[in-house]
PDB file of N, CA and C in Angstrom:
ATOM      1  N   MET A   1     136.618-214.016  22.751  1.00  0.00           N
ATOM      2  CA  MET A   1     136.397-214.981  23.801  1.00  0.00           C
ATOM      3  C   MET A   1     137.675-215.765  24.104  1.00  0.00           C
ATOM      4  N   ALA A   2     138.447-216.134  23.093  1.00  0.00           N
ATOM      5  CA  ALA A   2     139.685-216.884  23.311  1.00  0.00           C
ATOM      6  C   ALA A   2     140.681-216.071  24.128  1.00  0.00           C
ATOM      7  N   ILE A   3     140.762-214.775  23.866  1.00  0.00           N
ATOM      8  CA  ILE A   3     141.692-213.920  24.615  1.00  0.00           C
ATOM      9  C   ILE A   3     141.310-213.879  26.089  1.00  0.00           C
ATOM     10  N   SER A   4     140.038-213.765  26.407  1.00  0.00           N
ATOM     11  CA  SER A   4     139.629-213.714  27.816  1.00  0.00           C
ATOM     12  C   SER A   4     139.934-215.037  28.516  1.00  0.00           C
ATOM     13  N   LYS A   5     139.823-216.165  27.812  1.00  0.00           N
ATOM     14  CA  LYS A   5     140.187-217.465  28.399  1.00  0.00           C
ATOM     15  C   LYS A   5     141.681-217.503  28.702  1.00  0.00           C
ATOM     16  N   ILE A   6     142.493-217.002  27.782  1.00  0.00           N
ATOM     17  CA  ILE A   6     143.937-216.980  27.983  1.00  0.00           C
ATOM     18  C   ILE A   6     144.299-216.099  29.176  1.00  0.00           C
ATOM     19  N   LEU A   7     143.669-214.941  29.273  1.00  0.00           N
ATOM     20  CA  LEU A   7     143.973-214.014  30.367  1.00  0.00           C
ATOM     21  C   LEU A   7     143.576-214.577  31.729  1.00  0.00           C
ATOM     22  N   ARG A   8     142.575-215.440  31.766  1.00  0.00           N
ATOM     23  CA  ARG A   8     142.116-216.022  33.040  1.00  0.00           C
ATOM     24  C   ARG A   8     142.815-217.335  33.379  1.00  0.00           C
ATOM     25  N   ALA A   9     143.555-217.895  32.446  1.00  0.00           N
ATOM     26  CA  ALA A   9     144.194-219.206  32.656  1.00  0.00           C
ATOM     27  C   ALA A   9     145.317-219.111  33.680  1.00  0.00           C
ATOM     28  N   PRO A  10     145.470-220.125  34.515  1.00  0.00           N
ATOM     29  CA  PRO A  10     146.585-220.153  35.469  1.00  0.00           C
ATOM     30  C   PRO A  10     147.922-220.220  34.733  1.00  0.00           C
ATOM     31  N   ASP A  11     148.950-219.653  35.344  1.00  0.00           N
ATOM     32  CA  ASP A  11     150.281-219.612  34.733  1.00  0.00           C
ATOM     33  C   ASP A  11     150.773-220.991  34.318  1.00  0.00           C
ATOM     34  N   ASN A  12     150.589-221.977  35.186  1.00  0.00           N
ATOM     35  CA  ASN A  12     151.117-223.310  34.878  1.00  0.00           C
ATOM     36  C   ASN A  12     150.466-223.899  33.628  1.00  0.00           C
ATOM     37  N   GLU A  13     149.175-223.620  33.388  1.00  0.00           N
ATOM     38  CA  GLU A  13     148.512-224.128  32.187  1.00  0.00           C
ATOM     39  C   GLU A  13     149.054-223.444  30.941  1.00  0.00           C
ATOM     40  N   LEU A  14     149.335-222.156  31.033  1.00  0.00           N
ATOM     41  CA  LEU A  14     149.895-221.432  29.891  1.00  0.00           C
ATOM     42  C   LEU A  14     151.303-221.933  29.568  1.00  0.00           C
ATOM     43  N   ILE A  15     152.100-222.167  30.600  1.00  0.00           N
ATOM     44  CA  ILE A  15     153.458-222.684  30.393  1.00  0.00           C
ATOM     45  C   ILE A  15     153.393-224.068  29.757  1.00  0.00           C
ATOM     46  N   GLU A  16     152.519-224.927  30.264  1.00  0.00           N
ATOM     47  CA  GLU A  16     152.382-226.269  29.701  1.00  0.00           C
ATOM     48  C   GLU A  16     151.953-226.207  28.231  1.00  0.00           C
ATOM     49  N   ALA A  17     151.047-225.301  27.890  1.00  0.00           N
ATOM     50  CA  ALA A  17     150.595-225.153  26.504  1.00  0.00           C
ATOM     51  C   ALA A  17     151.745-224.675  25.614  1.00  0.00           C
ATOM     52  N   LEU A  18     152.544-223.735  26.112  1.00  0.00           N
ATOM     53  CA  LEU A  18     153.685-223.247  25.339  1.00  0.00           C
ATOM     54  C   LEU A  18     154.702-224.360  25.105  1.00  0.00           C
ATOM     55  N   VAL A  19     155.012-225.112  26.145  1.00  0.00           N
ATOM     56  CA  VAL A  19     155.970-226.212  26.025  1.00  0.00           C
ATOM     57  C   VAL A  19     155.462-227.239  25.012  1.00  0.00           C
ATOM     58  N   GLU A  20     154.187-227.560  25.066  1.00  0.00           N
ATOM     59  CA  GLU A  20     153.622-228.517  24.114  1.00  0.00           C
ATOM     60  C   GLU A  20     153.679-227.978  22.686  1.00  0.00           C
ATOM     61  N   ALA A  21     153.420-226.688  22.513  1.00  0.00           N
ATOM     62  CA  ALA A  21     153.506-226.076  21.182  1.00  0.00           C
ATOM     63  C   ALA A  21     154.937-226.114  20.652  1.00  0.00           C
ATOM     64  N   ILE A  22     155.904-225.873  21.523  1.00  0.00           N
ATOM     65  CA  ILE A  22     157.317-225.921  21.122  1.00  0.00           C
ATOM     66  C   ILE A  22     157.697-227.331  20.693  1.00  0.00           C
ATOM     67  N   LYS A  23     157.266-228.322  21.465  1.00  0.00           N
ATOM     68  CA  LYS A  23     157.563-229.719  21.121  1.00  0.00           C
ATOM     69  C   LYS A  23     156.904-230.102  19.797  1.00  0.00           C
ATOM     70  N   THR A  24     155.638-229.734  19.621  1.00  0.00           N
ATOM     71  CA  THR A  24     154.901-230.072  18.405  1.00  0.00           C
ATOM     72  C   THR A  24     155.529-229.427  17.175  1.00  0.00           C
ATOM     73  N   ALA A  25     155.974-228.179  17.324  1.00  0.00           N
ATOM     74  CA  ALA A  25     156.587-227.466  16.202  1.00  0.00           C
ATOM     75  C   ALA A  25     158.001-227.955  15.911  1.00  0.00           C
ATOM     76  N   GLY A  26     158.598-228.674  16.845  1.00  0.00           N
ATOM     77  CA  GLY A  26     159.966-229.161  16.647  1.00  0.00           C
ATOM     78  C   GLY A  26     160.988-228.040  16.709  1.00  0.00           C
ATOM     79  N   THR A  27     160.702-227.022  17.469  1.00  0.00           N
ATOM     80  CA  THR A  27     161.597-225.874  17.595  1.00  0.00           C
ATOM     81  C   THR A  27     162.941-226.309  18.170  1.00  0.00           C
ATOM     82  N   GLN A  28     164.016-225.998  17.462  1.00  0.00           N
ATOM     83  CA  GLN A  28     165.349-226.407  17.882  1.00  0.00           C
ATOM     84  C   GLN A  28     166.096-225.311  18.625  1.00  0.00           C
ATOM     85  N   GLN A  29     165.713-224.063  18.396  1.00  0.00           N
ATOM     86  CA  GLN A  29     166.396-222.935  19.021  1.00  0.00           C
ATOM     87  C   GLN A  29     165.352-221.888  19.382  1.00  0.00           C
ATOM     88  N   LEU A  30     165.467-221.319  20.586  1.00  0.00           N
ATOM     89  CA  LEU A  30     164.472-220.363  21.056  1.00  0.00           C
ATOM     90  C   LEU A  30     165.135-219.343  21.974  1.00  0.00           C
ATOM     91  N   SER A  31     164.714-218.108  21.855  1.00  0.00           N
ATOM     92  CA  SER A  31     165.161-217.037  22.763  1.00  0.00           C
ATOM     93  C   SER A  31     163.945-216.474  23.479  1.00  0.00           C
ATOM     94  N   ILE A  32     164.086-216.264  24.780  1.00  0.00           N
ATOM     95  CA  ILE A  32     163.000-215.730  25.602  1.00  0.00           C
ATOM     96  C   ILE A  32     163.548-214.582  26.432  1.00  0.00           C
ATOM     97  N   ILE A  33     162.771-213.511  26.550  1.00  0.00           N
ATOM     98  CA  ILE A  33     163.120-212.397  27.433  1.00  0.00           C
ATOM     99  C   ILE A  33     161.956-212.205  28.399  1.00  0.00           C
ATOM    100  N   CYS A  34     162.241-212.265  29.701  1.00  0.00           N
ATOM    101  CA  CYS A  34     161.235-212.035  30.741  1.00  0.00           C
ATOM    102  C   CYS A  34     161.726-210.887  31.613  1.00  0.00           C
ATOM    103  N   ASP A  35     161.001-209.803  31.607  1.00  0.00           N
ATOM    104  CA  ASP A  35     161.416-208.613  32.334  1.00  0.00           C
ATOM    105  C   ASP A  35     160.653-208.479  33.641  1.00  0.00           C
ATOM    106  N   GLY A  36     161.328-208.776  34.754  1.00  0.00           N
ATOM    107  CA  GLY A  36     160.762-208.565  36.075  1.00  0.00           C
ATOM    108  C   GLY A  36     159.663-209.527  36.474  1.00  0.00           C
ATOM    109  N   LEU A  37     159.626-210.696  35.875  1.00  0.00           N
ATOM    110  CA  LEU A  37     158.569-211.656  36.173  1.00  0.00           C
ATOM    111  C   LEU A  37     159.156-212.954  36.713  1.00  0.00           C
ATOM    112  N   TRP A  38     159.953-212.887  37.746  1.00  0.00           N
ATOM    113  CA  TRP A  38     160.685-214.053  38.238  1.00  0.00           C
ATOM    114  C   TRP A  38     159.770-215.222  38.580  1.00  0.00           C
ATOM    115  N   ASP A  39     158.652-214.967  39.222  1.00  0.00           N
ATOM    116  CA  ASP A  39     157.768-216.054  39.639  1.00  0.00           C
ATOM    117  C   ASP A  39     157.256-216.868  38.454  1.00  0.00           C
ATOM    118  N   ILE A  40     157.121-216.215  37.308  1.00  0.00           N
ATOM    119  CA  ILE A  40     156.683-216.902  36.099  1.00  0.00           C
ATOM    120  C   ILE A  40     157.892-217.355  35.285  1.00  0.00           C
ATOM    121  N   ALA A  41     158.923-216.542  35.237  1.00  0.00           N
ATOM    122  CA  ALA A  41     160.078-216.795  34.369  1.00  0.00           C
ATOM    123  C   ALA A  41     160.820-218.070  34.744  1.00  0.00           C
ATOM    124  N   TYR A  42     161.063-218.294  36.017  1.00  0.00           N
ATOM    125  CA  TYR A  42     161.848-219.468  36.392  1.00  0.00           C
ATOM    126  C   TYR A  42     161.156-220.771  35.990  1.00  0.00           C
ATOM    127  N   PRO A  43     159.866-220.975  36.330  1.00  0.00           N
ATOM    128  CA  PRO A  43     159.216-222.218  35.875  1.00  0.00           C
ATOM    129  C   PRO A  43     159.128-222.295  34.353  1.00  0.00           C
ATOM    130  N   LEU A  44     158.924-221.155  33.699  1.00  0.00           N
ATOM    131  CA  LEU A  44     158.852-221.131  32.243  1.00  0.00           C
ATOM    132  C   LEU A  44     160.174-221.600  31.637  1.00  0.00           C
ATOM    133  N   VAL A  45     161.264-220.993  32.051  1.00  0.00           N
ATOM    134  CA  VAL A  45     162.581-221.341  31.511  1.00  0.00           C
ATOM    135  C   VAL A  45     162.914-222.794  31.846  1.00  0.00           C
ATOM    136  N   ASP A  46     162.619-223.202  33.046  1.00  0.00           N
ATOM    137  CA  ASP A  46     162.914-224.565  33.482  1.00  0.00           C
ATOM    138  C   ASP A  46     162.208-225.594  32.595  1.00  0.00           C
ATOM    139  N   GLN A  47     160.944-225.370  32.294  1.00  0.00           N
ATOM    140  CA  GLN A  47     160.186-226.327  31.482  1.00  0.00           C
ATOM    141  C   GLN A  47     160.515-226.223  29.996  1.00  0.00           C
ATOM    142  N   VAL A  48     160.767-225.017  29.506  1.00  0.00           N
ATOM    143  CA  VAL A  48     161.094-224.842  28.092  1.00  0.00           C
ATOM    144  C   VAL A  48     162.457-225.455  27.781  1.00  0.00           C
ATOM    145  N   MET A  49     163.388-225.464  28.753  1.00  0.00           N
ATOM    146  CA  MET A  49     164.694-226.082  28.546  1.00  0.00           C
ATOM    147  C   MET A  49     164.547-227.554  28.174  1.00  0.00           C
ATOM    148  N   GLU A  50     163.517-228.197  28.686  1.00  0.00           N
ATOM    149  CA  GLU A  50     163.288-229.603  28.373  1.00  0.00           C
ATOM    150  C   GLU A  50     162.703-229.789  26.971  1.00  0.00           C
ATOM    151  N   ALA A  51     162.055-228.738  26.428  1.00  0.00           N
ATOM    152  CA  ALA A  51     161.354-228.853  25.146  1.00  0.00           C
ATOM    153  C   ALA A  51     162.209-228.471  23.944  1.00  0.00           C
ATOM    154  N   THR A  52     163.232-227.676  24.140  1.00  0.00           N
ATOM    155  CA  THR A  52     164.048-227.226  23.020  1.00  0.00           C
ATOM    156  C   THR A  52     165.531-227.398  23.344  1.00  0.00           C
ATOM    157  N   PRO A  53     166.298-227.937  22.402  1.00  0.00           N
ATOM    158  CA  PRO A  53     167.712-228.213  22.670  1.00  0.00           C
ATOM    159  C   PRO A  53     168.549-226.966  22.950  1.00  0.00           C
ATOM    160  N   ARG A  54     168.231-225.860  22.280  1.00  0.00           N
ATOM    161  CA  ARG A  54     169.034-224.649  22.441  1.00  0.00           C
ATOM    162  C   ARG A  54     168.126-223.511  22.889  1.00  0.00           C
ATOM    163  N   LEU A  55     168.257-223.124  24.143  1.00  0.00           N
ATOM    164  CA  LEU A  55     167.441-222.050  24.704  1.00  0.00           C
ATOM    165  C   LEU A  55     168.347-220.944  25.206  1.00  0.00           C
ATOM    166  N   LYS A  56     168.013-219.733  24.838  1.00  0.00           N
ATOM    167  CA  LYS A  56     168.670-218.550  25.396  1.00  0.00           C
ATOM    168  C   LYS A  56     167.585-217.765  26.110  1.00  0.00           C
ATOM    169  N   ALA A  57     167.806-217.473  27.378  1.00  0.00           N
ATOM    170  CA  ALA A  57     166.809-216.748  28.149  1.00  0.00           C
ATOM    171  C   ALA A  57     167.477-215.601  28.901  1.00  0.00           C
ATOM    172  N   LEU A  58     166.865-214.442  28.832  1.00  0.00           N
ATOM    173  CA  LEU A  58     167.302-213.279  29.596  1.00  0.00           C
ATOM    174  C   LEU A  58     166.181-212.945  30.565  1.00  0.00           C
ATOM    175  N   VAL A  59     166.489-213.029  31.848  1.00  0.00           N
ATOM    176  CA  VAL A  59     165.491-212.764  32.885  1.00  0.00           C
ATOM    177  C   VAL A  59     166.010-211.645  33.756  1.00  0.00           C
ATOM    178  N   THR A  60     165.229-210.577  33.868  1.00  0.00           N
ATOM    179  CA  THR A  60     165.585-209.509  34.792  1.00  0.00           C
ATOM    180  C   THR A  60     164.711-209.651  36.026  1.00  0.00           C
ATOM    181  N   SER A  61     165.280-209.351  37.172  1.00  0.00           N
ATOM    182  CA  SER A  61     164.545-209.563  38.404  1.00  0.00           C
ATOM    183  C   SER A  61     165.183-208.784  39.542  1.00  0.00           C
ATOM    184  N   ARG A  62     164.448-208.608  40.577  1.00  0.00           N
ATOM    185  CA  ARG A  62     164.975-208.003  41.793  1.00  0.00           C
ATOM    186  C   ARG A  62     165.285-209.064  42.851  1.00  0.00           C
ATOM    187  N   GLN A  63     165.353-210.316  42.421  1.00  0.00           N
ATOM    188  CA  GLN A  63     165.686-211.404  43.335  1.00  0.00           C
ATOM    189  C   GLN A  63     167.066-211.186  43.934  1.00  0.00           C
ATOM    190  N   LYS A  64     167.243-211.652  45.133  1.00  0.00           N
ATOM    191  CA  LYS A  64     168.568-211.628  45.746  1.00  0.00           C
ATOM    192  C   LYS A  64     169.399-212.744  45.129  1.00  0.00           C
ATOM    193  N   ALA A  65     170.681-212.511  44.990  1.00  0.00           N
ATOM    194  CA  ALA A  65     171.565-213.461  44.312  1.00  0.00           C
ATOM    195  C   ALA A  65     171.504-214.853  44.937  1.00  0.00           C
ATOM    196  N   GLY A  66     171.315-214.963  46.230  1.00  0.00           N
ATOM    197  CA  GLY A  66     171.253-216.264  46.892  1.00  0.00           C
ATOM    198  C   GLY A  66     170.035-217.082  46.520  1.00  0.00           C
ATOM    199  N   GLU A  67     169.019-216.445  45.929  1.00  0.00           N
ATOM    200  CA  GLU A  67     167.781-217.131  45.571  1.00  0.00           C
ATOM    201  C   GLU A  67     167.768-217.594  44.115  1.00  0.00           C
ATOM    202  N   ILE A  68     168.824-217.324  43.369  1.00  0.00           N
ATOM    203  CA  ILE A  68     168.867-217.652  41.954  1.00  0.00           C
ATOM    204  C   ILE A  68     169.455-219.053  41.792  1.00  0.00           C
ATOM    205  N   PRO A  69     168.793-219.922  41.014  1.00  0.00           N
ATOM    206  CA  PRO A  69     169.260-221.300  40.861  1.00  0.00           C
ATOM    207  C   PRO A  69     170.661-221.383  40.260  1.00  0.00           C
ATOM    208  N   LYS A  70     171.325-222.481  40.535  1.00  0.00           N
ATOM    209  CA  LYS A  70     172.704-222.675  40.118  1.00  0.00           C
ATOM    210  C   LYS A  70     172.877-222.700  38.600  1.00  0.00           C
ATOM    211  N   GLU A  71     171.839-223.068  37.850  1.00  0.00           N
ATOM    212  CA  GLU A  71     171.953-223.184  36.395  1.00  0.00           C
ATOM    213  C   GLU A  71     172.028-221.819  35.708  1.00  0.00           C
ATOM    214  N   PHE A  72     171.751-220.748  36.422  1.00  0.00           N
ATOM    215  CA  PHE A  72     171.660-219.424  35.826  1.00  0.00           C
ATOM    216  C   PHE A  72     172.944-218.628  36.041  1.00  0.00           C
ATOM    217  N   PHE A  73     173.298-217.822  35.030  1.00  0.00           N
ATOM    218  CA  PHE A  73     174.329-216.817  35.207  1.00  0.00           C
ATOM    219  C   PHE A  73     173.671-215.674  35.972  1.00  0.00           C
ATOM    220  N   CYS A  74     174.442-214.937  36.730  1.00  0.00           N
ATOM    221  CA  CYS A  74     173.867-213.856  37.520  1.00  0.00           C
ATOM    222  C   CYS A  74     174.773-212.633  37.447  1.00  0.00           C
ATOM    223  N   ILE A  75     174.198-211.510  37.061  1.00  0.00           N
ATOM    224  CA  ILE A  75     174.912-210.239  37.124  1.00  0.00           C
ATOM    225  C   ILE A  75     174.153-209.384  38.120  1.00  0.00           C
ATOM    226  N   GLU A  76     174.768-209.114  39.232  1.00  0.00           N
ATOM    227  CA  GLU A  76     174.100-208.318  40.255  1.00  0.00           C
ATOM    228  C   GLU A  76     174.169-206.841  39.907  1.00  0.00           C
ATOM    229  N   TYR A  77     173.096-206.157  40.184  1.00  0.00           N
ATOM    230  CA  TYR A  77     172.971-204.739  39.872  1.00  0.00           C
ATOM    231  C   TYR A  77     174.160-203.946  40.391  1.00  0.00           C
ATOM    232  N   ASP A  78     174.758-203.177  39.508  1.00  0.00           N
ATOM    233  CA  ASP A  78     175.815-202.227  39.824  1.00  0.00           C
ATOM    234  C   ASP A  78     177.153-202.872  40.183  1.00  0.00           C
ATOM    235  N   LYS A  79     177.217-204.188  40.320  1.00  0.00           N
ATOM    236  CA  LYS A  79     178.477-204.820  40.708  1.00  0.00           C
ATOM    237  C   LYS A  79     179.501-204.766  39.585  1.00  0.00           C
ATOM    238  N   GLU A  80     179.023-204.831  38.317  1.00  0.00           N
ATOM    239  CA  GLU A  80     179.982-204.794  37.215  1.00  0.00           C
ATOM    240  C   GLU A  80     180.709-203.461  37.155  1.00  0.00           C
ATOM    241  N   ARG A  81     180.036-202.368  37.521  1.00  0.00           N
ATOM    242  CA  ARG A  81     180.709-201.070  37.528  1.00  0.00           C
ATOM    243  C   ARG A  81     181.696-200.949  38.684  1.00  0.00           C
ATOM    244  N   LYS A  82     181.481-201.712  39.712  1.00  0.00           N
ATOM    245  CA  LYS A  82     182.363-201.665  40.874  1.00  0.00           C
ATOM    246  C   LYS A  82     183.523-202.651  40.740  1.00  0.00           C
ATOM    247  N   GLY A  83     183.600-203.347  39.605  1.00  0.00           N
ATOM    248  CA  GLY A  83     184.713-204.256  39.372  1.00  0.00           C
ATOM    249  C   GLY A  83     184.541-205.633  39.966  1.00  0.00           C
ATOM    250  N   LEU A  84     183.352-205.979  40.414  1.00  0.00           N
ATOM    251  CA  LEU A  84     183.118-207.309  40.965  1.00  0.00           C
ATOM    252  C   LEU A  84     182.735-208.255  39.837  1.00  0.00           C
ATOM    253  N   HIS A  85     183.011-209.514  40.008  1.00  0.00           N
ATOM    254  CA  HIS A  85     182.824-210.496  38.947  1.00  0.00           C
ATOM    255  C   HIS A  85     181.383-210.967  38.843  1.00  0.00           C
ATOM    256  N   ILE A  86     181.083-211.481  37.657  1.00  0.00           N
ATOM    257  CA  ILE A  86     179.800-212.133  37.425  1.00  0.00           C
ATOM    258  C   ILE A  86     179.842-213.471  38.139  1.00  0.00           C
ATOM    259  N   ARG A  87     178.780-213.798  38.837  1.00  0.00           N
ATOM    260  CA  ARG A  87     178.694-215.077  39.520  1.00  0.00           C
ATOM    261  C   ARG A  87     178.193-216.112  38.523  1.00  0.00           C
ATOM    262  N   ARG A  88     178.946-217.148  38.319  1.00  0.00           N
ATOM    263  CA  ARG A  88     178.564-218.174  37.365  1.00  0.00           C
ATOM    264  C   ARG A  88     178.509-219.520  38.084  1.00  0.00           C
ATOM    265  N   HIS A  89     177.409-220.220  37.831  1.00  0.00           N
ATOM    266  CA  HIS A  89     177.250-221.562  38.399  1.00  0.00           C
ATOM    267  C   HIS A  89     177.454-222.575  37.301  1.00  0.00           C
ATOM    268  N   SER A  90     178.012-223.695  37.645  1.00  0.00           N
ATOM    269  CA  SER A  90     178.126-224.763  36.656  1.00  0.00           C
ATOM    270  C   SER A  90     176.844-225.568  36.661  1.00  0.00           C
ATOM    271  N   VAL A  91     176.486-226.068  35.496  1.00  0.00           N
ATOM    272  CA  VAL A  91     175.295-226.887  35.367  1.00  0.00           C
ATOM    273  C   VAL A  91     175.623-228.282  35.861  1.00  0.00           C
ATOM    274  N   ALA A  92     174.750-228.809  36.707  1.00  0.00           N
ATOM    275  CA  ALA A  92     174.990-230.141  37.294  1.00  0.00           C
ATOM    276  C   ALA A  92     174.807-231.249  36.313  1.00  0.00           C
TER     277      ALA A  92
END
């Protein structure tokens, strides 16, 4: 029954529960990998950054480079083989 509740829960409630669990556990360092789930990954990473001092996140996506927030490093598909640079934004 608990699994079916989790599967039916809205994304924002699951993210909030994860962030609260991270805060409660006092997690100081965390790594997250999200493969192709940009709509979920960005809010997840954004909120988890507030809960843990050291976060490493790898997000794969088909988003266009112009849609990626400034806080993220971006490696565009196939550009590294063509000798183009990684686009890096500074954190505000």
